[in-house]
Amino acid sequence: MTLSIREKKENVDGFMVSNGAVGFGISAASMTATWVWAASLYASASSGYTYGVSGPIHYGLWGALMILCIYPFGRHFRRVAPKAHTLAEVMHARHGRSSQLILAVSNIVGSVISLTANFTAAGALMEILTPFSFLHGVLIAAVGVLCYTLWSGFRASVMTDFAQLVAMMLAAALIVPMVFIATGGTDALGAGMAQLTDEQANFFSGEAFLEQGGPYLAAVLAYAIGNQTIAQRLFAVRQDRIKSTFITATLGYAGTVIGLGMLGLLAVMVGLQPLNGDMNNIIPQMASEYLSPVMIGLLFIMVIGSLSSTADSDLAALSSLVMTDIYGKNLARGKVNPQTMLYIGRITMIAATALGVMFAVSNFNILDLLVFVGALWGALVFPVIASFYWDRITNRAFTASVVVALVFFLVARFELLPLTGVVAVVMEVAAVIGAAVVFGFMAFGLFGKKVGFTVGTIAGVVLFPLILGFLRDYPTLLGSLVSYGVSTVVCVAISMTNKERFDFSVINERVTEFQLQDQREPAETAR
């Protein structure tokens, strides 16, 4: 597929965003396949194994909801900067270099971690289902994905995503019912309920929400706003197809991820113990125990498809970030050479793959990894979204809010200071503001500014007595919400001192296609 779409003379904008003209079918499939990554499948199963009945629901439902909530912001982003390649590029036009580099570097780190998680998933699958070792699996996945993405960048990613998604959804539709039947069906389900704790058997488990659902809700909103793999598809799809693309991806993600997460619930019901205590092994173990060789092959295709679709997206995202935000807006100093840019993009893919392979050997816990990365991006959510709507935000406000929020997040999440007394109260007040921001933004995106402010205010008032004195015992959720709240307070406080107003129309003038810039240079020189 990649060789069939490769262009003899590659267009640098096509390499990064397919010139913003991808149709509904391909873009919806690519969005779904990118969001359904191997970590989604493994982490959803881990959630089902740990938290029981409500675990996969918390994982899949909130992730799907965030896809739905992001499209209104996405349409506005495209109206403001229709020719953009990255959100960081728009921040450069809106604020300046420091805001741009904060967003770009956070995305680069996040995409490398995502690559690591997907290569880790491939290694775990290979180690359990084949004669190959964990390292062999990591190398095979890494080299395979790199080989086809290197040719045509983002275009190769979206074209192959379509085939990968079809394979994933077909496999999921067959595997989950067959494992359910192989474990004993409804009779075994009744007996298996006795293996669950009271919290695991409770569909409305408070523990599951506080330790899994709540932190993941905060994390995926940050992921949807701050991650370049999502922004890249947003800038690539036709503007009149953004809404239908994201709604379709919402349904596809929810069905696939919740369904596969139920394998974790079945695993705890039948008394399965994860190999070496690693939750990433639950799905491969269930497959090897209860599926025929043919169905194991389908599972193999499904997981390889899910990790490949996200890994190639990460490579395409990393290349566009380095091409646009490191070279195009900084190192080139206004004299962009498209051929040099393409060369840098491909070198970036090779270097990122090597880093992902090296880090994969560490075998991170994917569930904890997702919460941590999402919380880091949480510090960027308010400054990024508000920068597209509020004309008083400055570069200083953006930068300071992110830095201060990260410090508070680290203190809360890793308990660098004891969460007692004044420290705990300050953190919980910040968390209340953070929760209000999350609910307010969701309502703002779907229903407008007035509804967003109303919902955010009501959420803050209702949650204040519930959170104060309580959330300090749940540092994962506390840290995620603190990053939202602190960044919002600092950004608003500094921005209110600014009397100047920003003219958003200049963003469209400052963010243009790189290939056209190169083509215009001779004529401009002649004049």
Protein backbone atom coordinates (compact mmCIF):
# COMPACT_ATOMS: atom_id res chain seq x y z
CA MET A 1 0.00 0.00 0.00
CA THR A 2 2.80 2.38 0.86
CA LEU A 3 4.67 1.76 -2.36
CA SER A 4 1.48 2.34 -4.35
CA ILE A 5 1.00 5.84 -2.89
CA ARG A 6 4.64 6.91 -2.86
CA GLU A 7 5.29 10.03 -4.93
CA LYS A 8 8.38 10.33 -7.08
CA LYS A 9 8.91 13.92 -5.91
CA GLU A 10 7.60 14.03 -2.36
CA ASN A 11 5.66 17.12 -1.27
CA VAL A 12 6.71 18.15 2.23
CA ASP A 13 3.17 19.21 3.23
CA GLY A 14 1.75 15.96 1.86
CA PHE A 15 4.36 14.05 3.86
CA MET A 16 3.09 15.72 7.06
CA VAL A 17 -0.68 16.29 6.62
CA SER A 18 -1.66 15.09 3.11
CA ASN A 19 -2.37 18.74 2.18
CA GLY A 20 -5.45 18.81 4.44
CA ALA A 21 -7.68 16.97 1.96
CA VAL A 22 -8.21 13.45 3.41
CA GLY A 23 -11.80 12.21 2.95
CA PHE A 24 -14.23 10.86 5.54
CA GLY A 25 -13.67 7.09 5.17
CA ILE A 26 -9.90 7.11 5.39
CA SER A 27 -9.77 9.80 8.08
CA ALA A 28 -12.40 8.10 10.30
CA ALA A 29 -10.60 4.76 10.02
CA SER A 30 -7.24 6.39 10.74
CA MET A 31 -8.58 8.30 13.74
CA THR A 32 -10.12 5.13 15.19
CA ALA A 33 -7.06 2.97 14.54
CA THR A 34 -4.75 5.56 16.07
CA TRP A 35 -6.87 5.92 19.22
CA VAL A 36 -7.21 2.11 19.52
CA TRP A 37 -3.56 1.36 20.17
CA ALA A 38 -2.05 -1.73 21.73
CA ALA A 39 -1.88 0.05 25.08
CA SER A 40 -5.65 0.59 24.90
CA LEU A 41 -6.26 -3.12 24.51
CA TYR A 42 -3.80 -4.22 27.18
CA ALA A 43 -4.65 -1.44 29.63
CA SER A 44 -8.39 -2.03 29.23
CA ALA A 45 -7.87 -5.72 30.02
CA SER A 46 -5.69 -4.74 32.99
CA SER A 47 -8.48 -2.46 34.18
CA GLY A 48 -11.02 -5.28 33.89
CA TYR A 49 -8.73 -7.62 35.81
CA THR A 50 -8.04 -5.07 38.56
CA TYR A 51 -11.38 -3.28 38.94
CA GLY A 52 -13.85 -5.89 37.70
CA VAL A 53 -17.14 -5.22 35.93
CA SER A 54 -16.81 -1.44 35.63
CA GLY A 55 -13.10 -1.38 34.73
CA PRO A 56 -13.37 -1.70 30.92
CA ILE A 57 -16.36 0.66 30.91
CA HIS A 58 -14.37 3.36 32.68
CA TYR A 59 -11.48 2.87 30.29
CA GLY A 60 -13.40 2.68 27.01
CA LEU A 61 -16.29 5.06 27.72
CA TRP A 62 -14.21 8.03 28.86
CA GLY A 63 -11.74 7.57 26.04
CA ALA A 64 -14.59 7.53 23.51
CA LEU A 65 -16.21 10.57 25.12
CA MET A 66 -13.02 12.57 24.73
CA ILE A 67 -12.94 11.87 20.99
CA LEU A 68 -16.48 13.22 20.79
CA CYS A 69 -15.70 16.30 22.86
CA ILE A 70 -12.59 17.27 20.91
CA TYR A 71 -14.18 17.76 17.48
CA PRO A 72 -15.80 21.18 18.23
CA PHE A 73 -12.42 22.52 19.33
CA GLY A 74 -10.85 20.88 16.31
CA ARG A 75 -13.15 22.67 13.90
CA HIS A 76 -12.24 25.98 15.53
CA PHE A 77 -8.53 25.17 15.34
CA ARG A 78 -8.87 24.56 11.59
CA ARG A 79 -10.78 27.81 11.06
CA VAL A 80 -8.04 29.75 12.83
CA ALA A 81 -5.12 27.96 11.11
CA PRO A 82 -6.31 25.93 8.08
CA LYS A 83 -2.77 25.30 6.77
CA ALA A 84 -1.18 24.23 10.06
CA HIS A 85 0.88 21.07 10.49
CA THR A 86 1.17 21.02 14.31
CA LEU A 87 -0.53 22.75 17.25
CA ALA A 88 2.89 23.89 18.41
CA GLU A 89 3.31 25.70 15.08
CA VAL A 90 0.10 27.62 15.81
CA MET A 91 1.36 28.45 19.31
CA HIS A 92 4.47 29.91 17.67
CA ALA A 93 2.26 32.20 15.59
CA ARG A 94 0.04 33.01 18.58
CA HIS A 95 2.66 33.50 21.32
CA GLY A 96 6.25 32.86 20.35
CA ARG A 97 9.08 30.40 20.67
CA SER A 98 8.89 29.28 24.32
CA SER A 99 5.20 28.29 24.14
CA GLN A 100 5.82 26.50 20.87
CA LEU A 101 8.79 24.53 22.20
CA ILE A 102 7.00 23.55 25.43
CA LEU A 103 4.17 22.00 23.43
CA ALA A 104 6.50 20.50 20.81
CA VAL A 105 8.91 18.95 23.32
CA SER A 106 6.04 17.52 25.42
CA ASN A 107 4.65 15.93 22.25
CA ILE A 108 8.03 14.54 21.27
CA VAL A 109 8.47 12.95 24.70
CA GLY A 110 4.89 11.64 24.65
CA SER A 111 5.26 10.08 21.21
CA VAL A 112 8.53 8.37 22.14
CA ILE A 113 6.82 6.93 25.24
CA SER A 114 3.90 5.82 23.07
CA LEU A 115 6.31 4.09 20.70
CA THR A 116 7.89 2.36 23.68
CA ALA A 117 4.49 1.16 24.93
CA ASN A 118 3.57 -0.27 21.54
CA PHE A 119 6.90 -2.01 21.05
CA THR A 120 6.55 -3.40 24.58
CA ALA A 121 3.13 -4.79 23.68
CA ALA A 122 4.59 -6.45 20.58
CA GLY A 123 7.38 -8.02 22.62
CA ALA A 124 4.94 -9.41 25.21
CA LEU A 125 2.73 -10.88 22.49
CA MET A 126 5.64 -12.51 20.67
CA GLU A 127 7.11 -13.93 23.86
CA ILE A 128 3.89 -15.72 24.85
CA LEU A 129 2.44 -16.78 21.48
CA THR A 130 5.57 -17.59 19.44
CA PRO A 131 8.98 -19.21 19.90
CA PHE A 132 10.57 -15.75 19.66
CA SER A 133 11.84 -13.78 22.66
CA PHE A 134 10.57 -10.41 23.94
CA LEU A 135 13.47 -8.61 22.24
CA HIS A 136 12.75 -10.33 18.92
CA GLY A 137 9.15 -9.13 19.09
CA VAL A 138 10.20 -5.56 19.81
CA LEU A 139 12.67 -5.53 16.92
CA ILE A 140 10.27 -7.10 14.41
CA ALA A 141 7.52 -4.57 15.21
CA ALA A 142 9.92 -1.62 15.20
CA VAL A 143 11.61 -2.45 11.91
CA GLY A 144 8.33 -3.42 10.25
CA VAL A 145 6.57 -0.16 11.11
CA LEU A 146 9.60 1.96 10.25
CA CYS A 147 10.04 0.37 6.84
CA TYR A 148 6.66 1.45 5.44
CA THR A 149 6.26 4.77 7.30
CA LEU A 150 9.68 5.99 6.17
CA TRP A 151 8.56 6.09 2.53
CA SER A 152 5.58 8.43 2.59
CA GLY A 153 5.16 9.63 6.18
CA PHE A 154 1.64 10.57 7.20
CA ARG A 155 0.07 9.37 3.94
CA ALA A 156 1.48 5.89 4.55
CA SER A 157 0.11 5.99 8.10
CA VAL A 158 -3.47 6.87 7.16
CA MET A 159 -3.64 4.48 4.20
CA THR A 160 -2.43 1.49 6.19
CA ASP A 161 -4.66 2.47 9.14
CA PHE A 162 -7.73 1.56 7.09
CA ALA A 163 -6.57 -2.03 6.53
CA GLN A 164 -5.36 -2.35 10.11
CA LEU A 165 -8.71 -1.16 11.50
CA VAL A 166 -10.70 -3.64 9.43
CA ALA A 167 -8.48 -6.46 10.70
CA MET A 168 -8.76 -5.27 14.32
CA MET A 169 -12.54 -4.96 14.39
CA LEU A 170 -13.08 -8.28 12.64
CA ALA A 171 -10.76 -10.06 15.06
CA ALA A 172 -12.34 -8.40 18.11
CA ALA A 173 -15.86 -9.35 16.96
CA LEU A 174 -14.81 -13.02 16.81
CA ILE A 175 -12.34 -13.34 19.68
CA VAL A 176 -14.35 -11.96 22.61
CA PRO A 177 -17.42 -14.24 22.10
CA MET A 178 -15.23 -17.28 21.47
CA VAL A 179 -13.21 -16.75 24.67
CA PHE A 180 -16.46 -16.26 26.57
CA ILE A 181 -17.83 -19.56 25.24
CA ALA A 182 -14.53 -21.38 25.81
CA THR A 183 -14.44 -20.32 29.47
CA GLY A 184 -17.85 -21.89 30.05
CA GLY A 185 -20.32 -19.24 28.92
CA THR A 186 -23.13 -18.05 31.16
CA ASP A 187 -22.75 -20.97 33.60
CA ALA A 188 -19.11 -20.14 34.25
CA LEU A 189 -20.03 -16.45 34.46
CA GLY A 190 -22.33 -17.14 37.41
CA ALA A 191 -19.69 -19.21 39.19
CA GLY A 192 -16.99 -16.66 38.36
CA MET A 193 -18.86 -13.85 40.10
CA ALA A 194 -17.88 -15.53 43.36
CA GLN A 195 -14.23 -14.84 42.51
CA LEU A 196 -14.85 -11.08 42.49
CA THR A 197 -14.57 -8.78 45.46
CA ASP A 198 -17.52 -6.55 46.35
CA GLU A 199 -15.90 -3.60 44.58
CA GLN A 200 -15.09 -5.66 41.47
CA ALA A 201 -18.69 -6.91 41.26
CA ASN A 202 -20.13 -3.42 41.69
CA PHE A 203 -20.93 -1.77 38.36
CA PHE A 204 -20.84 1.65 40.08
CA SER A 205 -17.61 0.99 41.98
CA GLY A 206 -16.30 4.13 43.64
CA GLU A 207 -12.82 2.63 43.84
CA ALA A 208 -12.79 1.96 40.10
CA PHE A 209 -13.78 5.56 39.33
CA LEU A 210 -11.37 7.19 41.78
CA GLU A 211 -8.37 5.05 40.83
CA GLN A 212 -9.09 4.38 37.13
CA GLY A 213 -12.06 6.26 35.64
CA GLY A 214 -11.37 9.71 37.09
CA PRO A 215 -7.63 9.83 36.34
CA TYR A 216 -8.22 8.43 32.87
CA LEU A 217 -10.96 10.98 32.15
CA ALA A 218 -8.52 13.77 32.99
CA ALA A 219 -5.69 12.07 31.11
CA VAL A 220 -7.50 11.47 27.82
CA LEU A 221 -8.82 15.04 27.62
CA ALA A 222 -5.23 16.20 27.86
CA TYR A 223 -4.18 13.54 25.34
CA ALA A 224 -6.86 14.62 22.87
CA ILE A 225 -5.84 18.28 23.08
CA GLY A 226 -2.09 17.98 23.33
CA ASN A 227 -1.09 14.96 21.28
CA GLN A 228 0.26 15.51 17.78
CA THR A 229 -1.09 12.22 16.41
CA ILE A 230 -4.62 13.57 16.96
CA ALA A 231 -3.78 17.12 15.84
CA GLN A 232 -2.15 15.76 12.68
CA ARG A 233 -5.37 14.01 11.65
CA LEU A 234 -7.34 17.09 12.56
CA PHE A 235 -5.24 19.20 10.20
CA ALA A 236 -5.31 16.51 7.50
CA VAL A 237 -9.04 15.74 7.19
CA ARG A 238 -11.25 17.92 5.01
CA GLN A 239 -12.74 20.69 7.14
CA ASP A 240 -16.32 19.72 6.27
CA ARG A 241 -15.69 16.13 7.43
CA ILE A 242 -14.30 16.78 10.92
CA LYS A 243 -17.57 16.18 12.80
CA SER A 244 -18.53 12.94 11.04
CA THR A 245 -14.97 11.64 11.34
CA PHE A 246 -14.77 12.13 15.10
CA ILE A 247 -18.28 10.78 15.81
CA THR A 248 -17.50 7.60 13.84
CA ALA A 249 -14.18 7.20 15.67
CA THR A 250 -16.01 7.58 19.00
CA LEU A 251 -18.26 4.60 18.28
CA GLY A 252 -15.47 2.46 16.85
CA TYR A 253 -13.16 3.06 19.79
CA ALA A 254 -15.79 2.37 22.46
CA GLY A 255 -16.94 -0.92 20.94
CA THR A 256 -13.47 -2.32 20.34
CA VAL A 257 -11.78 -1.30 23.60
CA ILE A 258 -14.64 -2.15 25.97
CA GLY A 259 -15.06 -5.52 24.27
CA LEU A 260 -11.40 -6.46 24.59
CA GLY A 261 -11.32 -5.17 28.16
CA MET A 262 -13.86 -7.83 29.10
CA LEU A 263 -11.12 -10.43 28.57
CA GLY A 264 -9.52 -9.05 31.73
CA LEU A 265 -12.78 -9.53 33.62
CA LEU A 266 -13.04 -13.11 32.36
CA ALA A 267 -9.42 -13.68 33.39
CA VAL A 268 -10.07 -12.81 37.03
CA MET A 269 -13.24 -14.94 37.01
CA VAL A 270 -11.37 -18.04 35.87
CA GLY A 271 -8.53 -17.41 38.32
CA LEU A 272 -5.81 -16.61 35.78
CA GLN A 273 -2.56 -15.26 37.22
CA PRO A 274 -0.63 -12.87 34.92
CA LEU A 275 2.70 -14.33 33.83
CA ASN A 276 5.55 -12.81 35.86
CA GLY A 277 2.95 -10.54 37.49
CA ASP A 278 2.81 -8.45 34.29
CA MET A 279 -0.71 -7.23 33.45
CA ASN A 280 0.33 -6.81 29.81
CA ASN A 281 0.30 -10.60 29.52
CA ILE A 282 -3.42 -11.05 30.29
CA ILE A 283 -4.73 -10.95 26.71
CA PRO A 284 -2.00 -13.20 25.24
CA GLN A 285 -2.46 -15.69 28.10
CA MET A 286 -6.23 -15.83 27.68
CA ALA A 287 -5.76 -16.41 23.97
CA SER A 288 -3.21 -19.18 24.38
CA GLU A 289 -5.38 -20.87 27.01
CA TYR A 290 -8.82 -20.72 25.37
CA LEU A 291 -8.44 -20.11 21.61
CA SER A 292 -7.61 -22.39 18.71
CA PRO A 293 -4.41 -21.77 16.72
CA VAL A 294 -6.43 -20.05 13.96
CA MET A 295 -8.05 -17.66 16.44
CA ILE A 296 -4.69 -17.02 18.11
CA GLY A 297 -3.49 -15.98 14.67
CA LEU A 298 -6.40 -13.53 14.46
CA LEU A 299 -5.51 -12.13 17.88
CA PHE A 300 -1.94 -11.74 16.72
CA ILE A 301 -3.11 -9.77 13.68
CA MET A 302 -5.39 -7.62 15.85
CA VAL A 303 -2.70 -6.62 18.34
CA ILE A 304 -0.06 -6.13 15.67
CA GLY A 305 -2.56 -3.99 13.73
CA SER A 306 -3.39 -1.88 16.78
CA LEU A 307 0.22 -1.27 17.77
CA SER A 308 1.30 -0.66 14.17
CA SER A 309 -1.46 1.88 13.53
CA THR A 310 -0.38 3.93 16.54
CA ALA A 311 3.36 3.39 16.15
CA ASP A 312 3.32 4.65 12.56
CA SER A 313 1.20 7.60 13.75
CA ASP A 314 3.82 8.36 16.39
CA LEU A 315 6.60 8.24 13.82
CA ALA A 316 4.65 10.54 11.49
CA ALA A 317 3.90 12.89 14.41
CA LEU A 318 7.51 12.97 15.57
CA SER A 319 8.77 13.70 12.07
CA SER A 320 6.28 16.57 11.60
CA LEU A 321 7.19 18.06 15.00
CA VAL A 322 10.90 18.07 14.27
CA MET A 323 10.39 19.17 10.65
CA THR A 324 8.03 22.02 11.53
CA ASP A 325 8.81 23.16 15.06
CA ILE A 326 12.50 22.40 15.40
CA TYR A 327 13.73 22.99 11.84
CA GLY A 328 11.04 25.01 10.04
CA LYS A 329 10.31 27.57 12.75
CA ASN A 330 13.68 27.75 14.50
CA LEU A 331 16.76 26.31 12.78
CA ALA A 332 15.83 27.38 9.22
CA ARG A 333 15.52 31.06 10.24
CA GLY A 334 12.90 31.80 7.59
CA LYS A 335 14.72 29.98 4.76
CA VAL A 336 13.03 26.58 4.64
CA ASN A 337 14.38 23.99 2.19
CA PRO A 338 11.68 21.32 1.62
CA GLN A 339 14.21 18.65 0.65
CA THR A 340 16.22 19.27 3.80
CA MET A 341 12.99 19.14 5.77
CA LEU A 342 12.08 15.73 4.30
CA TYR A 343 15.57 14.43 5.07
CA ILE A 344 15.26 15.61 8.69
CA GLY A 345 11.82 13.99 8.99
CA ARG A 346 13.08 10.58 7.88
CA ILE A 347 16.16 10.78 10.12
CA THR A 348 13.82 11.60 13.01
CA MET A 349 11.80 8.43 12.35
CA ILE A 350 14.93 6.26 12.44
CA ALA A 351 16.23 7.88 15.64
CA ALA A 352 12.82 7.64 17.36
CA THR A 353 12.52 3.95 16.48
CA ALA A 354 15.94 3.27 17.98
CA LEU A 355 14.96 5.09 21.19
CA GLY A 356 11.66 3.22 21.39
CA VAL A 357 13.44 -0.13 21.10
CA MET A 358 15.93 0.79 23.83
CA PHE A 359 13.24 2.00 26.23
CA ALA A 360 11.00 -1.01 25.54
CA VAL A 361 13.50 -3.24 27.28
CA SER A 362 12.46 -1.54 30.55
CA ASN A 363 8.94 -3.01 30.12
CA PHE A 364 6.89 -0.13 31.60
CA ASN A 365 3.48 -0.66 33.22
CA ILE A 366 1.24 0.75 30.50
CA LEU A 367 -1.67 1.76 32.74
CA ASP A 368 0.51 3.91 35.02
CA LEU A 369 2.34 5.27 31.99
CA LEU A 370 -0.86 6.55 30.40
CA VAL A 371 -1.97 8.38 33.54
CA PHE A 372 1.45 9.98 34.00
CA VAL A 373 1.76 11.24 30.42
CA GLY A 374 -1.84 12.42 30.37
CA ALA A 375 -1.34 14.41 33.56
CA LEU A 376 1.72 16.11 32.09
CA TRP A 377 -0.36 17.19 29.11
CA GLY A 378 -3.07 18.30 31.53
CA ALA A 379 -0.94 21.33 32.35
CA LEU A 380 -1.24 22.37 28.70
CA VAL A 381 -4.99 21.94 28.19
CA PHE A 382 -6.24 25.31 29.43
CA PRO A 383 -3.41 27.43 27.94
CA VAL A 384 -3.69 25.73 24.54
CA ILE A 385 -7.50 25.87 24.19
CA ALA A 386 -7.81 29.35 25.66
CA SER A 387 -5.11 30.62 23.28
CA PHE A 388 -7.49 29.96 20.37
CA TYR A 389 -10.40 31.86 21.96
CA TRP A 390 -9.11 34.50 24.40
CA ASP A 391 -7.15 37.42 22.97
CA ARG A 392 -5.46 38.44 26.26
CA ILE A 393 -3.29 35.35 26.86
CA THR A 394 0.42 36.08 26.47
CA ASN A 395 3.51 33.99 25.95
CA ARG A 396 4.52 34.68 29.56
CA ALA A 397 1.15 33.49 30.86
CA PHE A 398 1.30 30.32 28.75
CA THR A 399 4.84 29.40 29.77
CA ALA A 400 4.52 30.22 33.47
CA SER A 401 1.22 28.35 33.84
CA VAL A 402 2.65 25.14 32.40
CA VAL A 403 5.86 25.23 34.45
CA VAL A 404 4.08 25.97 37.75
CA ALA A 405 1.40 23.34 37.07
CA LEU A 406 4.04 20.68 36.41
CA VAL A 407 5.72 21.45 39.74
CA PHE A 408 2.42 21.15 41.61
CA PHE A 409 1.56 17.94 39.75
CA LEU A 410 4.85 16.30 40.70
CA VAL A 411 4.38 17.27 44.34
CA ALA A 412 0.82 15.90 44.43
CA ARG A 413 1.27 12.79 42.31
CA PHE A 414 4.48 11.54 43.93
CA GLU A 415 3.81 13.02 47.40
CA LEU A 416 7.09 14.96 47.46
CA LEU A 417 5.54 16.85 50.36
CA PRO A 418 3.24 15.11 52.87
CA LEU A 419 -0.38 15.54 51.74
CA THR A 420 -1.53 16.83 55.09
CA GLY A 421 -2.51 20.17 56.60
CA VAL A 422 -2.15 23.28 54.45
CA VAL A 423 -0.43 21.42 51.59
CA ALA A 424 -3.33 18.98 51.25
CA VAL A 425 -5.93 21.77 51.35
CA VAL A 426 -4.12 23.80 48.67
CA MET A 427 -3.85 20.74 46.45
CA GLU A 428 -7.50 19.83 46.89
CA VAL A 429 -8.67 23.37 46.14
CA ALA A 430 -6.58 23.26 42.96
CA ALA A 431 -8.13 19.87 42.16
CA VAL A 432 -11.64 21.34 42.55
CA ILE A 433 -10.74 24.05 40.03
CA GLY A 434 -9.23 21.39 37.77
CA ALA A 435 -12.40 19.27 37.88
CA ALA A 436 -14.50 22.35 37.09
CA VAL A 437 -12.23 23.07 34.11
CA VAL A 438 -12.63 19.50 32.78
CA PHE A 439 -16.44 19.56 32.96
CA GLY A 440 -16.58 23.15 31.77
CA PHE A 441 -14.46 22.47 28.69
CA MET A 442 -16.50 19.40 27.76
CA ALA A 443 -19.72 21.45 27.92
CA PHE A 444 -18.08 24.44 26.22
CA GLY A 445 -16.96 22.35 23.25
CA LEU A 446 -20.37 20.76 22.68
CA PHE A 447 -22.80 23.52 23.74
CA GLY A 448 -20.98 26.85 23.72
CA LYS A 449 -19.37 29.36 26.06
CA LYS A 450 -22.33 30.18 28.33
CA VAL A 451 -23.17 26.53 28.99
CA GLY A 452 -19.49 25.76 29.53
CA PHE A 453 -19.08 28.47 32.18
CA THR A 454 -22.33 27.42 33.86
CA VAL A 455 -21.44 23.73 33.99
CA GLY A 456 -17.91 24.48 35.20
CA THR A 457 -19.20 26.72 37.99
CA ILE A 458 -21.83 24.23 39.13
CA ALA A 459 -19.28 21.40 39.05
CA GLY A 460 -16.88 23.40 41.21
CA VAL A 461 -19.56 24.27 43.79
CA VAL A 462 -20.88 20.70 43.99
CA LEU A 463 -17.47 19.04 44.12
CA PHE A 464 -15.83 21.37 46.65
CA PRO A 465 -17.33 19.77 49.80
CA LEU A 466 -16.86 16.29 48.32
CA ILE A 467 -13.19 16.72 47.41
CA LEU A 468 -11.96 18.72 50.40
CA GLY A 469 -10.48 16.35 52.97
CA PHE A 470 -11.06 13.31 50.74
CA LEU A 471 -9.03 13.42 47.51
CA ARG A 472 -5.67 13.55 49.32
CA ASP A 473 -5.96 9.76 49.70
CA TYR A 474 -6.00 9.31 45.89
CA PRO A 475 -2.79 10.94 44.63
CA THR A 476 -3.22 9.69 41.04
CA LEU A 477 -6.51 11.54 40.52
CA LEU A 478 -5.38 14.44 42.69
CA GLY A 479 -2.25 15.00 40.61
CA SER A 480 -4.15 14.92 37.33
CA LEU A 481 -6.71 17.50 38.47
CA VAL A 482 -4.11 19.70 40.16
CA SER A 483 -2.27 20.15 36.85
CA TYR A 484 -5.48 21.42 35.23
CA GLY A 485 -6.41 23.71 38.11
CA VAL A 486 -3.02 25.31 38.72
CA SER A 487 -2.35 25.97 35.02
CA THR A 488 -5.79 27.61 34.73
CA VAL A 489 -5.33 29.87 37.76
CA VAL A 490 -1.82 30.99 36.81
CA CYS A 491 -2.69 31.52 33.14
CA VAL A 492 -5.80 33.61 33.95
CA ALA A 493 -4.07 35.62 36.67
CA ILE A 494 -1.17 36.67 34.44
CA SER A 495 -3.37 37.22 31.37
CA MET A 496 -5.68 39.58 33.25
CA THR A 497 -2.77 42.00 33.67
CA ASN A 498 -2.37 42.21 29.88
CA LYS A 499 -4.20 45.15 28.28
CA GLU A 500 -3.30 44.35 24.67
CA ARG A 501 -5.57 42.34 22.38
CA PHE A 502 -4.35 39.73 19.90
CA ASP A 503 -5.60 39.77 16.30
CA PHE A 504 -6.35 36.12 15.45
CA SER A 505 -6.43 36.82 11.71
CA VAL A 506 -2.63 37.08 11.62
CA ILE A 507 -2.29 33.38 12.49
CA ASN A 508 -3.55 32.41 9.04
CA GLU A 509 -0.87 34.66 7.53
CA ARG A 510 1.92 33.27 9.69
CA VAL A 511 1.04 29.56 9.32
CA THR A 512 1.31 28.48 5.68
CA GLU A 513 2.39 25.56 3.52
CA PHE A 514 6.15 25.01 3.41
CA GLN A 515 6.20 23.74 -0.19
CA LEU A 516 4.47 26.89 -1.42
CA GLN A 517 6.89 29.05 0.55
CA ASP A 518 9.73 27.43 -1.34
CA GLN A 519 7.97 27.93 -4.69
CA ARG A 520 7.34 31.62 -4.01
CA GLU A 521 10.93 32.51 -3.17
CA PRO A 522 12.21 33.01 -6.77
CA ALA A 523 9.35 35.36 -7.71
CA GLU A 524 9.70 37.34 -4.51
CA THR A 525 13.44 37.66 -5.12
CA ALA A 526 12.85 38.88 -8.69
CA ARG A 527 10.49 41.61 -7.50
